[in-house]
Amino acid sequence: MHKGWLQQVGKWMRIGWLVLICMMTAPSLAAAGEVYSPQRGTPERGAVLNAIRPILEVRVGPPVEFVVSWLRIYKDWAFVAVEPQRPGGGAIDPISPHYRVSEFQDGLHTIALLKFSYGRWNVVDYAIGPTDVFWDGDPLYAQFPRAFTHP
C-alpha cells in the first residue's frame, strides 16, 4: 500500500509540473499566434476584401475581384496585398476612362491597411501600384509586429 501511494503522488506531481509548464508557455504561444491569415471563403476574409473593393472599383469600374497575395490580421487591424482582376480571372485594362497607370506605378497591385471599428473594416491607408515597401519606417506601421507588416 505504501508503494502504491508513492506512485500516485509521483503521478500527480508529474501532472502538476506538466500543467505548470503549459501555463508558463501559454502566454508566449498566444503572442506568437496573434498575427494570422483568415482562410479563403471565411466571412472575415470576405469582409476585409469587400472593404477595399470600392477603392479599385471607383478607379477601374466594377466588378472587381481579387487574387490575394497575402492577408494578415493582428488584433483589430488587417494588412493585405491584392491583385485586382475581373470576375473569372479577366484582366483589367490599365488604360480605362477612370484610371491610368502612371510610370511611377507597378500596375494595379494594391496594398491596404484596415482597422475594424464601428462594426466593420475601414481602410486607413493604401497604395495602388507601389514600387517599394512604403510602410517601412512609417510610424503608423511601427506599432505592429514584424510578422504583420513583413509577410
Protein backbone atom coordinates (compact mmCIF):
# COMPACT_ATOMS: atom_id res chain seq x y z
CA MET A 1 0.00 0.00 0.00
CA HIS A 2 2.87 2.35 0.78
CA LYS A 3 4.36 1.82 -2.67
CA GLY A 4 1.03 2.47 -4.44
CA TRP A 5 0.56 5.72 -2.54
CA LEU A 6 4.05 6.94 -3.56
CA GLN A 7 3.33 6.06 -7.18
CA GLN A 8 0.10 8.10 -7.05
CA VAL A 9 1.92 11.09 -5.51
CA GLY A 10 4.61 10.82 -8.21
CA LYS A 11 1.97 10.67 -10.92
CA TRP A 12 0.20 13.78 -9.58
CA MET A 13 3.49 15.64 -9.25
CA ARG A 14 4.32 14.89 -12.90
CA ILE A 15 0.87 16.11 -13.94
CA GLY A 16 1.33 19.23 -11.80
CA TRP A 17 4.68 20.01 -13.42
CA LEU A 18 3.20 19.49 -16.87
CA VAL A 19 0.32 21.86 -16.06
CA LEU A 20 2.76 24.43 -14.67
CA ILE A 21 4.96 24.26 -17.78
CA CYS A 22 1.90 24.66 -20.02
CA MET A 23 0.71 27.67 -18.02
CA MET A 24 4.13 29.29 -18.23
CA THR A 25 4.46 28.81 -22.00
CA ALA A 26 0.85 29.67 -22.92
CA PRO A 27 1.38 33.48 -23.00
CA SER A 28 4.28 33.15 -25.43
CA LEU A 29 2.27 30.81 -27.65
CA ALA A 30 -0.65 33.25 -27.64
CA ALA A 31 1.67 36.14 -28.51
CA ALA A 32 3.07 34.18 -31.44
CA GLY A 33 -0.45 33.41 -32.63
CA GLU A 34 -1.74 36.97 -32.64
CA VAL A 35 -0.92 37.52 -36.32
CA TYR A 36 -2.89 35.17 -38.56
CA SER A 37 -4.32 34.82 -42.05
CA PRO A 38 -8.04 34.09 -42.35
CA GLN A 39 -8.82 31.14 -44.59
CA ARG A 40 -10.24 31.58 -48.08
CA GLY A 41 -14.02 31.72 -48.06
CA THR A 42 -14.36 32.86 -44.45
CA PRO A 43 -16.67 35.79 -43.63
CA GLU A 44 -13.74 37.67 -42.03
CA ARG A 45 -11.63 37.46 -45.18
CA GLY A 46 -14.60 38.45 -47.33
CA ALA A 47 -15.33 41.47 -45.14
CA VAL A 48 -11.73 42.73 -45.46
CA LEU A 49 -11.77 42.33 -49.25
CA ASN A 50 -15.19 43.97 -49.53
CA ALA A 51 -13.86 46.98 -47.61
CA ILE A 52 -11.11 47.61 -50.18
CA ARG A 53 -13.22 46.77 -53.25
CA PRO A 54 -14.69 50.31 -53.65
CA ILE A 55 -11.19 51.81 -53.84
CA LEU A 56 -10.49 49.83 -57.01
CA GLU A 57 -13.98 49.87 -58.49
CA VAL A 58 -14.14 53.67 -58.43
CA ARG A 59 -10.91 53.75 -60.48
CA VAL A 60 -11.32 50.88 -62.93
CA GLY A 61 -15.09 50.32 -62.83
CA PRO A 62 -16.96 47.38 -61.35
CA PRO A 63 -16.94 44.47 -60.92
CA VAL A 64 -13.59 43.68 -59.35
CA GLU A 65 -12.41 40.55 -57.60
CA PHE A 66 -9.04 39.88 -56.03
CA VAL A 67 -6.20 37.43 -56.08
CA VAL A 68 -4.84 37.71 -52.55
CA SER A 69 -1.05 37.79 -52.30
CA TRP A 70 -1.25 37.96 -48.51
CA LEU A 71 -3.69 38.98 -45.84
CA ARG A 72 -2.70 39.29 -42.18
CA ILE A 73 -4.88 40.09 -39.16
CA TYR A 74 -3.45 41.46 -35.91
CA LYS A 75 -5.95 42.28 -33.19
CA ASP A 76 -8.36 44.71 -34.90
CA TRP A 77 -6.05 45.51 -37.83
CA ALA A 78 -5.75 43.92 -41.28
CA PHE A 79 -2.89 44.28 -43.76
CA VAL A 80 -3.50 42.99 -47.27
CA ALA A 81 -1.87 42.83 -50.71
CA VAL A 82 -4.10 42.01 -53.67
CA GLU A 83 -4.03 41.82 -57.43
CA PRO A 84 -7.38 43.10 -58.79
CA GLN A 85 -8.97 41.36 -61.75
CA ARG A 86 -12.34 40.94 -63.41
CA PRO A 87 -14.54 38.06 -62.21
CA GLY A 88 -13.31 34.77 -63.59
CA GLY A 89 -9.73 35.99 -63.94
CA GLY A 90 -10.15 38.58 -66.66
CA ALA A 91 -7.51 41.28 -66.89
CA ILE A 92 -8.38 44.88 -66.08
CA ASP A 93 -7.47 47.35 -68.80
CA PRO A 94 -4.88 49.63 -67.15
CA ILE A 95 -5.89 52.44 -69.51
CA SER A 96 -9.54 52.98 -68.74
CA PRO A 97 -11.64 56.15 -68.74
CA HIS A 98 -11.43 56.20 -64.93
CA TYR A 99 -7.84 55.25 -64.29
CA ARG A 100 -4.46 55.30 -65.94
CA VAL A 101 -1.39 53.53 -64.56
CA SER A 102 1.47 56.02 -64.36
CA GLU A 103 5.16 55.35 -64.94
CA PHE A 104 5.61 55.51 -61.15
CA GLN A 105 3.30 52.56 -60.52
CA ASP A 106 3.67 48.82 -60.68
CA GLY A 107 0.30 48.06 -62.23
CA LEU A 108 -2.82 47.75 -60.10
CA HIS A 109 -1.20 45.74 -57.29
CA THR A 110 -2.84 47.16 -54.15
CA ILE A 111 -1.73 47.15 -50.53
CA ALA A 112 -4.08 48.33 -47.78
CA LEU A 113 -4.13 48.74 -44.01
CA LEU A 114 -7.55 48.44 -42.39
CA LYS A 115 -8.92 48.81 -38.87
CA PHE A 116 -12.02 47.10 -37.55
CA SER A 117 -14.18 49.72 -35.87
CA TYR A 118 -17.86 50.67 -35.80
CA GLY A 119 -18.71 47.05 -36.62
CA ARG A 120 -16.85 46.90 -39.94
CA TRP A 121 -13.44 47.04 -41.63
CA ASN A 122 -12.34 50.56 -42.58
CA VAL A 123 -9.44 51.47 -44.88
CA VAL A 124 -6.84 53.55 -43.02
CA ASP A 125 -4.04 53.61 -45.60
CA TYR A 126 -3.49 52.15 -49.07
CA ALA A 127 -1.34 52.31 -52.17
CA ILE A 128 -2.09 51.20 -55.71
CA GLY A 129 0.95 50.06 -57.65
CA PRO A 130 3.62 50.84 -55.04
CA THR A 131 7.15 50.27 -56.27
CA ASP A 132 8.66 49.96 -52.81
CA VAL A 133 7.84 48.96 -49.24
CA PHE A 134 6.18 52.30 -48.49
CA TRP A 135 5.16 51.33 -44.96
CA ASP A 136 8.70 50.50 -43.79
CA GLY A 137 9.76 53.26 -41.41
CA ASP A 138 6.31 54.85 -41.21
CA PRO A 139 5.39 55.47 -37.54
CA LEU A 140 1.84 54.22 -38.14
CA TYR A 141 3.18 50.79 -39.08
CA ALA A 142 5.89 50.76 -36.38
CA GLN A 143 3.28 49.79 -33.77
CA PHE A 144 2.75 46.37 -35.36
CA PRO A 145 4.79 43.18 -35.02
CA ARG A 146 7.13 42.41 -37.89
CA ALA A 147 5.12 39.28 -38.81
CA PHE A 148 2.15 41.56 -39.56
CA THR A 149 3.91 44.03 -41.86
CA HIS A 150 6.56 41.77 -43.44
CA PRO A 151 4.85 38.65 -44.77
